[in-house]
Amino acid sequence: MVEMWPSANPREASKEVKGIESLLGDYIKNAFRGKEKNQKLKVDLDLKAITDYSEDDKNIALQLTWLGHAAFLLQTSPINFMGPYRCRGRGFKKFSELPPIDLIIISHNHYDHLDKYTIKEIFADKRNKKRTHIFCPLDLKKWFKGIGIPVDQVTECDWWDENEVTILPESVNISDENALNEALTSTNNRKITICTVPNQHFSGRSMSDSNQTLWAGWVVKSQDCTYYFAG
């Protein structure tokens, strides 16, 4: 994958080495410092704002809750979806404390934006096992397959791809084929449009896979609002 803008400032090997040296230095300093710094921050575990959100409340078209680092929960009637991933302790213990997740949108494959254990935990929740669908940039589907995520629940996208998604009510039992088919043919279903847009970044999870997968921003359109995720 190659950046299309001269202003993108491609990363040189020497800069990569300096970056790794800086990370190792920070790791060593933090190891000697212990957890004192992190312990000073008390994470708010009150999930009332999330759990009280109602898809029937027409006065709230969109609610965004920051979950830490680059992860957040977007609730837009009647859709719940998550962007990427983390550094400090999150403000909840288990994903079962959150509403069922309809969509996960991934911007790129850096470790702090795509965490294997987080994805597996989301899909371990029986409410999400067949409901949750992942949208990701090109060539990332094989990564999800490698950690056990069904490939039919992952959609790879190139820049400017556009997908229309049908969102089913939380009350629909996805495991019940008859109920699912009935829900899919209902005229009451809401739809959203997901468009993959260019951004300036890079990808890679090791020294040997630099820019082997795409990176992207996203535009999500519902009937109530339009949301831009820069990635």
C-alpha atoms as a PDB file:
ATOM      1  CA  MET A   1       0.000   0.000   0.000  1.00  0.00           C
ATOM      2  CA  VAL A   2       1.354   3.437  -0.956  1.00  0.00           C
ATOM      3  CA  GLU A   3       0.384   6.945   0.197  1.00  0.00           C
ATOM      4  CA  MET A   4      -0.961   9.082  -2.642  1.00  0.00           C
ATOM      5  CA  TRP A   5      -0.016  12.500  -1.188  1.00  0.00           C
ATOM      6  CA  PRO A   6       3.527  13.982  -1.073  1.00  0.00           C
ATOM      7  CA  SER A   7       2.617  15.510   2.307  1.00  0.00           C
ATOM      8  CA  ALA A   8       2.175  12.050   3.821  1.00  0.00           C
ATOM      9  CA  ASN A   9       5.875  11.964   4.842  1.00  0.00           C
ATOM     10  CA  PRO A  10       6.745   8.253   4.387  1.00  0.00           C
ATOM     11  CA  ARG A  11       8.503   6.683   7.364  1.00  0.00           C
ATOM     12  CA  GLU A  12      12.177   5.935   6.776  1.00  0.00           C
ATOM     13  CA  ALA A  13      13.964   2.954   8.313  1.00  0.00           C
ATOM     14  CA  SER A  14      16.129   5.241  10.476  1.00  0.00           C
ATOM     15  CA  LYS A  15      13.009   6.858  11.933  1.00  0.00           C
ATOM     16  CA  GLU A  16      11.518   3.437  12.634  1.00  0.00           C
ATOM     17  CA  VAL A  17      14.641   2.465  14.613  1.00  0.00           C
ATOM     18  CA  LYS A  18      14.553   5.709  16.591  1.00  0.00           C
ATOM     19  CA  GLY A  19      10.884   5.109  17.341  1.00  0.00           C
ATOM     20  CA  ILE A  20      11.592   1.628  18.658  1.00  0.00           C
ATOM     21  CA  GLU A  21      14.473   2.956  20.787  1.00  0.00           C
ATOM     22  CA  SER A  22      12.147   5.576  22.255  1.00  0.00           C
ATOM     23  CA  LEU A  23       9.491   2.969  23.056  1.00  0.00           C
ATOM     24  CA  LEU A  24      12.051   0.700  24.733  1.00  0.00           C
ATOM     25  CA  GLY A  25      13.335   3.628  26.780  1.00  0.00           C
ATOM     26  CA  ASP A  26       9.822   4.473  27.958  1.00  0.00           C
ATOM     27  CA  TYR A  27       9.161   0.810  28.774  1.00  0.00           C
ATOM     28  CA  ILE A  28      12.296   0.572  30.937  1.00  0.00           C
ATOM     29  CA  LYS A  29      11.519   3.839  32.759  1.00  0.00           C
ATOM     30  CA  ASN A  30       7.947   2.751  33.450  1.00  0.00           C
ATOM     31  CA  ALA A  31       9.122  -0.658  34.682  1.00  0.00           C
ATOM     32  CA  PHE A  32      11.282   1.007  37.346  1.00  0.00           C
ATOM     33  CA  ARG A  33       8.603   3.565  38.154  1.00  0.00           C
ATOM     34  CA  GLY A  34       5.977   0.858  38.686  1.00  0.00           C
ATOM     35  CA  LYS A  35       2.254   1.518  38.495  1.00  0.00           C
ATOM     36  CA  GLU A  36       2.292   4.652  40.649  1.00  0.00           C
ATOM     37  CA  LYS A  37       1.476   6.978  37.776  1.00  0.00           C
ATOM     38  CA  ASN A  38      -1.470   4.922  36.568  1.00  0.00           C
ATOM     39  CA  GLN A  39      -2.831   4.511  40.077  1.00  0.00           C
ATOM     40  CA  LYS A  40      -3.312   8.264  40.373  1.00  0.00           C
ATOM     41  CA  LEU A  41      -6.031   8.115  37.718  1.00  0.00           C
ATOM     42  CA  LYS A  42      -9.374   6.844  38.956  1.00  0.00           C
ATOM     43  CA  VAL A  43     -11.451   5.467  36.107  1.00  0.00           C
ATOM     44  CA  ASP A  44     -15.153   6.317  36.205  1.00  0.00           C
ATOM     45  CA  LEU A  45     -17.038   3.027  36.226  1.00  0.00           C
ATOM     46  CA  ASP A  46     -20.487   4.634  36.038  1.00  0.00           C
ATOM     47  CA  LEU A  47     -22.109   3.219  32.882  1.00  0.00           C
ATOM     48  CA  LYS A  48     -25.448   4.935  33.465  1.00  0.00           C
ATOM     49  CA  ALA A  49     -25.118   7.199  30.420  1.00  0.00           C
ATOM     50  CA  ILE A  50     -24.576   4.166  28.178  1.00  0.00           C
ATOM     51  CA  THR A  51     -27.196   1.868  29.664  1.00  0.00           C
ATOM     52  CA  ASP A  52     -29.831   4.625  29.872  1.00  0.00           C
ATOM     53  CA  TYR A  53     -29.471   5.551  26.202  1.00  0.00           C
ATOM     54  CA  SER A  54     -32.747   4.781  24.451  1.00  0.00           C
ATOM     55  CA  GLU A  55     -33.211   4.335  20.727  1.00  0.00           C
ATOM     56  CA  ASP A  56     -36.732   5.650  21.227  1.00  0.00           C
ATOM     57  CA  ASP A  57     -35.549   9.030  22.599  1.00  0.00           C
ATOM     58  CA  LYS A  58     -35.805  11.261  19.551  1.00  0.00           C
ATOM     59  CA  ASN A  59     -34.069  14.118  21.423  1.00  0.00           C
ATOM     60  CA  ILE A  60     -30.734  12.250  21.337  1.00  0.00           C
ATOM     61  CA  ALA A  61     -29.710  11.524  17.754  1.00  0.00           C
ATOM     62  CA  LEU A  62     -26.154  10.571  18.696  1.00  0.00           C
ATOM     63  CA  GLN A  63     -24.260   9.723  21.883  1.00  0.00           C
ATOM     64  CA  LEU A  64     -20.475   9.217  21.905  1.00  0.00           C
ATOM     65  CA  THR A  65     -18.725   7.644  24.908  1.00  0.00           C
ATOM     66  CA  TRP A  66     -14.919   7.568  25.089  1.00  0.00           C
ATOM     67  CA  LEU A  67     -13.691   4.192  26.362  1.00  0.00           C
ATOM     68  CA  GLY A  68      -9.993   5.104  26.535  1.00  0.00           C
ATOM     69  CA  HIS A  69      -7.098   5.798  24.133  1.00  0.00           C
ATOM     70  CA  ALA A  70      -8.540   5.333  20.625  1.00  0.00           C
ATOM     71  CA  ALA A  71     -11.657   3.332  21.556  1.00  0.00           C
ATOM     72  CA  PHE A  72     -15.157   4.718  21.802  1.00  0.00           C
ATOM     73  CA  LEU A  73     -18.778   3.602  21.696  1.00  0.00           C
ATOM     74  CA  LEU A  74     -21.081   5.435  19.307  1.00  0.00           C
ATOM     75  CA  GLN A  75     -24.811   5.066  19.944  1.00  0.00           C
ATOM     76  CA  THR A  76     -27.018   6.474  17.210  1.00  0.00           C
ATOM     77  CA  SER A  77     -30.580   5.286  17.191  1.00  0.00           C
ATOM     78  CA  PRO A  78     -30.757   2.330  16.898  1.00  0.00           C
ATOM     79  CA  ILE A  79     -27.090   1.458  16.195  1.00  0.00           C
ATOM     80  CA  ASN A  80     -24.156   0.650  18.476  1.00  0.00           C
ATOM     81  CA  PHE A  81     -20.698   0.438  16.991  1.00  0.00           C
ATOM     82  CA  MET A  82     -17.120   0.763  18.122  1.00  0.00           C
ATOM     83  CA  GLY A  83     -14.062   2.404  16.676  1.00  0.00           C
ATOM     84  CA  PRO A  84     -10.475   1.294  17.555  1.00  0.00           C
ATOM     85  CA  TYR A  85      -8.316   0.521  20.740  1.00  0.00           C
ATOM     86  CA  ARG A  86      -6.240   1.340  24.268  1.00  0.00           C
ATOM     87  CA  CYS A  87      -3.646   2.142  26.986  1.00  0.00           C
ATOM     88  CA  ARG A  88      -5.150   2.701  30.469  1.00  0.00           C
ATOM     89  CA  GLY A  89      -7.693   0.569  32.246  1.00  0.00           C
ATOM     90  CA  ARG A  90     -11.086   0.890  30.581  1.00  0.00           C
ATOM     91  CA  GLY A  91     -14.140   2.244  32.337  1.00  0.00           C
ATOM     92  CA  PHE A  92     -15.954  -1.100  32.452  1.00  0.00           C
ATOM     93  CA  LYS A  93     -15.033  -4.644  33.432  1.00  0.00           C
ATOM     94  CA  LYS A  94     -16.629  -6.726  30.672  1.00  0.00           C
ATOM     95  CA  PHE A  95     -18.192  -6.035  27.294  1.00  0.00           C
ATOM     96  CA  SER A  96     -21.325  -7.717  28.595  1.00  0.00           C
ATOM     97  CA  GLU A  97     -21.896  -4.480  30.555  1.00  0.00           C
ATOM     98  CA  LEU A  98     -22.301  -2.617  27.256  1.00  0.00           C
ATOM     99  CA  PRO A  99     -25.218  -2.928  24.821  1.00  0.00           C
ATOM    100  CA  PRO A 100     -24.881  -5.494  22.004  1.00  0.00           C
ATOM    101  CA  ILE A 101     -22.411  -4.242  19.386  1.00  0.00           C
ATOM    102  CA  ASP A 102     -23.783  -4.015  15.841  1.00  0.00           C
ATOM    103  CA  LEU A 103     -20.651  -2.867  14.038  1.00  0.00           C
ATOM    104  CA  ILE A 104     -16.925  -2.600  14.656  1.00  0.00           C
ATOM    105  CA  ILE A 105     -15.052  -0.199  12.390  1.00  0.00           C
ATOM    106  CA  ILE A 106     -11.277  -0.589  12.183  1.00  0.00           C
ATOM    107  CA  SER A 107      -9.069   2.182  10.777  1.00  0.00           C
ATOM    108  CA  HIS A 108      -5.728   0.320  10.576  1.00  0.00           C
ATOM    109  CA  ASN A 109      -3.829  -2.552  12.157  1.00  0.00           C
ATOM    110  CA  HIS A 110      -1.507  -0.868  14.662  1.00  0.00           C
ATOM    111  CA  TYR A 111      -1.635  -2.652  18.019  1.00  0.00           C
ATOM    112  CA  ASP A 112      -3.192   0.307  19.835  1.00  0.00           C
ATOM    113  CA  HIS A 113      -6.038   0.408  17.289  1.00  0.00           C
ATOM    114  CA  LEU A 114      -6.570  -3.315  16.697  1.00  0.00           C
ATOM    115  CA  ASP A 115      -6.243  -5.565  19.737  1.00  0.00           C
ATOM    116  CA  LYS A 116      -6.688  -9.325  19.366  1.00  0.00           C
ATOM    117  CA  TYR A 117      -7.913  -9.896  22.910  1.00  0.00           C
ATOM    118  CA  THR A 118     -10.492  -7.111  22.714  1.00  0.00           C
ATOM    119  CA  ILE A 119     -11.952  -8.451  19.460  1.00  0.00           C
ATOM    120  CA  LYS A 120     -12.110 -11.994  20.847  1.00  0.00           C
ATOM    121  CA  GLU A 121     -13.769 -10.766  24.039  1.00  0.00           C
ATOM    122  CA  ILE A 122     -16.460  -8.930  22.081  1.00  0.00           C
ATOM    123  CA  PHE A 123     -17.271 -12.031  20.028  1.00  0.00           C
ATOM    124  CA  ALA A 124     -17.219 -14.233  23.139  1.00  0.00           C
ATOM    125  CA  ASP A 125     -20.336 -12.380  24.325  1.00  0.00           C
ATOM    126  CA  LYS A 126     -23.229 -14.519  23.060  1.00  0.00           C
ATOM    127  CA  ARG A 127     -25.211 -11.380  22.154  1.00  0.00           C
ATOM    128  CA  ASN A 128     -22.462 -10.355  19.716  1.00  0.00           C
ATOM    129  CA  LYS A 129     -21.374 -13.773  18.423  1.00  0.00           C
ATOM    130  CA  LYS A 130     -23.568 -13.661  15.314  1.00  0.00           C
ATOM    131  CA  ARG A 131     -24.732 -10.027  15.436  1.00  0.00           C
ATOM    132  CA  THR A 132     -21.489  -8.048  15.299  1.00  0.00           C
ATOM    133  CA  HIS A 133     -20.027  -7.234  11.887  1.00  0.00           C
ATOM    134  CA  ILE A 134     -16.546  -5.818  11.291  1.00  0.00           C
ATOM    135  CA  PHE A 135     -15.619  -3.293   8.601  1.00  0.00           C
ATOM    136  CA  CYS A 136     -11.893  -2.987   7.967  1.00  0.00           C
ATOM    137  CA  PRO A 137      -9.423  -1.784   5.294  1.00  0.00           C
ATOM    138  CA  LEU A 138      -8.109  -4.073   2.545  1.00  0.00           C
ATOM    139  CA  ASP A 139      -6.145  -7.228   3.392  1.00  0.00           C
ATOM    140  CA  LEU A 140      -7.113  -7.379   7.077  1.00  0.00           C
ATOM    141  CA  LYS A 141      -9.749 -10.118   6.759  1.00  0.00           C
ATOM    142  CA  LYS A 142      -7.108 -12.849   6.980  1.00  0.00           C
ATOM    143  CA  TRP A 143      -5.983 -11.455  10.344  1.00  0.00           C
ATOM    144  CA  PHE A 144      -9.509 -11.748  11.748  1.00  0.00           C
ATOM    145  CA  LYS A 145      -9.846 -15.249  10.301  1.00  0.00           C
ATOM    146  CA  GLY A 146      -6.607 -16.167  12.066  1.00  0.00           C
ATOM    147  CA  ILE A 147      -8.063 -15.314  15.476  1.00  0.00           C
ATOM    148  CA  GLY A 148     -11.280 -17.237  14.848  1.00  0.00           C
ATOM    149  CA  ILE A 149     -13.686 -14.547  13.614  1.00  0.00           C
ATOM    150  CA  PRO A 150     -16.093 -15.874  10.908  1.00  0.00           C
ATOM    151  CA  VAL A 151     -15.103 -14.387   7.552  1.00  0.00           C
ATOM    152  CA  ASP A 152     -18.748 -13.737   6.657  1.00  0.00           C
ATOM    153  CA  GLN A 153     -18.833 -11.236   9.534  1.00  0.00           C
ATOM    154  CA  VAL A 154     -15.901  -9.237   8.168  1.00  0.00           C
ATOM    155  CA  THR A 155     -16.062  -6.843   5.207  1.00  0.00           C
ATOM    156  CA  GLU A 156     -12.842  -5.508   3.661  1.00  0.00           C
ATOM    157  CA  CYS A 157     -13.049  -2.091   2.028  1.00  0.00           C
ATOM    158  CA  ASP A 158     -10.966  -0.025  -0.351  1.00  0.00           C
ATOM    159  CA  TRP A 159     -10.993   3.776  -0.284  1.00  0.00           C
ATOM    160  CA  TRP A 160     -14.321   5.134  -1.545  1.00  0.00           C
ATOM    161  CA  ASP A 161     -16.147   1.824  -1.143  1.00  0.00           C
ATOM    162  CA  GLU A 162     -19.698   2.325   0.098  1.00  0.00           C
ATOM    163  CA  ASN A 163     -21.832  -0.268   1.903  1.00  0.00           C
ATOM    164  CA  GLU A 164     -25.448  -0.132   3.019  1.00  0.00           C
ATOM    165  CA  VAL A 165     -26.108  -1.990   6.265  1.00  0.00           C
ATOM    166  CA  THR A 166     -29.424  -3.143   7.724  1.00  0.00           C
ATOM    167  CA  ILE A 167     -29.557  -2.774  11.505  1.00  0.00           C
ATOM    168  CA  LEU A 168     -31.813  -5.200  13.345  1.00  0.00           C
ATOM    169  CA  PRO A 169     -33.501  -4.396  16.670  1.00  0.00           C
ATOM    170  CA  GLU A 170     -31.770  -5.760  19.783  1.00  0.00           C
ATOM    171  CA  SER A 171     -34.853  -7.892  20.469  1.00  0.00           C
ATOM    172  CA  VAL A 172     -34.261 -10.051  17.370  1.00  0.00           C
ATOM    173  CA  ASN A 173     -32.753 -13.448  18.157  1.00  0.00           C
ATOM    174  CA  ILE A 174     -30.039 -13.753  15.495  1.00  0.00           C
ATOM    175  CA  SER A 175     -29.663 -17.483  16.210  1.00  0.00           C
ATOM    176  CA  ASP A 176     -33.319 -18.128  15.308  1.00  0.00           C
ATOM    177  CA  GLU A 177     -33.333 -18.459  11.509  1.00  0.00           C
ATOM    178  CA  ASN A 178     -37.077 -17.854  11.169  1.00  0.00           C
ATOM    179  CA  ALA A 179     -36.977 -14.777  13.392  1.00  0.00           C
ATOM    180  CA  LEU A 180     -33.935 -13.488  11.517  1.00  0.00           C
ATOM    181  CA  ASN A 181     -35.540 -13.911   8.078  1.00  0.00           C
ATOM    182  CA  GLU A 182     -38.715 -12.221   9.284  1.00  0.00           C
ATOM    183  CA  ALA A 183     -36.715  -9.318  10.700  1.00  0.00           C
ATOM    184  CA  LEU A 184     -34.678  -8.907   7.513  1.00  0.00           C
ATOM    185  CA  THR A 185     -37.837  -8.532   5.416  1.00  0.00           C
ATOM    186  CA  SER A 186     -39.442  -6.051   7.808  1.00  0.00           C
ATOM    187  CA  THR A 187     -40.093  -2.576   6.439  1.00  0.00           C
ATOM    188  CA  ASN A 188     -39.341  -1.124   9.888  1.00  0.00           C
ATOM    189  CA  ASN A 189     -35.612  -1.843   9.692  1.00  0.00           C
ATOM    190  CA  ARG A 190     -33.261   1.100   9.682  1.00  0.00           C
ATOM    191  CA  LYS A 191     -30.324   1.310   7.343  1.00  0.00           C
ATOM    192  CA  ILE A 192     -27.000   3.086   7.542  1.00  0.00           C
ATOM    193  CA  THR A 193     -24.402   3.784   4.878  1.00  0.00           C
ATOM    194  CA  ILE A 194     -20.706   3.220   5.556  1.00  0.00           C
ATOM    195  CA  CYS A 195     -18.188   4.869   3.232  1.00  0.00           C
ATOM    196  CA  THR A 196     -14.439   4.194   3.400  1.00  0.00           C
ATOM    197  CA  VAL A 197     -12.405   7.369   2.814  1.00  0.00           C
ATOM    198  CA  PRO A 198      -8.682   8.099   2.329  1.00  0.00           C
ATOM    199  CA  ASN A 199      -6.451   9.324   5.134  1.00  0.00           C
ATOM    200  CA  GLN A 200      -2.716   9.840   5.587  1.00  0.00           C
ATOM    201  CA  HIS A 201      -1.178   7.143   7.753  1.00  0.00           C
ATOM    202  CA  PHE A 202       0.584   3.777   7.465  1.00  0.00           C
ATOM    203  CA  SER A 203       0.088   0.210   8.686  1.00  0.00           C
ATOM    204  CA  GLY A 204       2.091  -2.630  10.188  1.00  0.00           C
ATOM    205  CA  ARG A 205       2.292  -4.874  13.240  1.00  0.00           C
ATOM    206  CA  SER A 206       5.980  -5.807  12.928  1.00  0.00           C
ATOM    207  CA  MET A 207       9.193  -4.721  11.206  1.00  0.00           C
ATOM    208  CA  SER A 208       8.447  -6.986   8.239  1.00  0.00           C
ATOM    209  CA  ASP A 209       4.858  -6.070   7.287  1.00  0.00           C
ATOM    210  CA  SER A 210       5.004  -2.312   6.837  1.00  0.00           C
ATOM    211  CA  ASN A 211       2.125  -1.044   4.657  1.00  0.00           C
ATOM    212  CA  GLN A 212       0.987  -4.542   3.660  1.00  0.00           C
ATOM    213  CA  THR A 213      -2.602  -3.676   4.648  1.00  0.00           C
ATOM    214  CA  LEU A 214      -4.605  -0.537   3.933  1.00  0.00           C
ATOM    215  CA  TRP A 215      -5.483   2.246   6.401  1.00  0.00           C
ATOM    216  CA  ALA A 216      -8.623   4.361   6.137  1.00  0.00           C
ATOM    217  CA  GLY A 217     -11.039   6.852   7.573  1.00  0.00           C
ATOM    218  CA  TRP A 218     -14.794   6.312   7.592  1.00  0.00           C
ATOM    219  CA  VAL A 219     -18.030   8.224   7.059  1.00  0.00           C
ATOM    220  CA  VAL A 220     -21.149   6.704   8.616  1.00  0.00           C
ATOM    221  CA  LYS A 221     -24.567   8.036   7.637  1.00  0.00           C
ATOM    222  CA  SER A 222     -27.765   7.202   9.495  1.00  0.00           C
ATOM    223  CA  GLN A 223     -31.182   8.767   9.036  1.00  0.00           C
ATOM    224  CA  ASP A 224     -30.444  11.136  11.932  1.00  0.00           C
ATOM    225  CA  CYS A 225     -26.817  12.164  11.462  1.00  0.00           C
ATOM    226  CA  THR A 226     -23.541  11.809   9.587  1.00  0.00           C
ATOM    227  CA  TYR A 227     -20.407  10.819  11.494  1.00  0.00           C
ATOM    228  CA  TYR A 228     -16.787  11.126  10.323  1.00  0.00           C
ATOM    229  CA  PHE A 229     -14.066   8.942  11.863  1.00  0.00           C
ATOM    230  CA  ALA A 230     -10.644  10.151  10.683  1.00  0.00           C
ATOM    231  CA  GLY A 231      -8.921   6.940  11.780  1.00  0.00           C
END
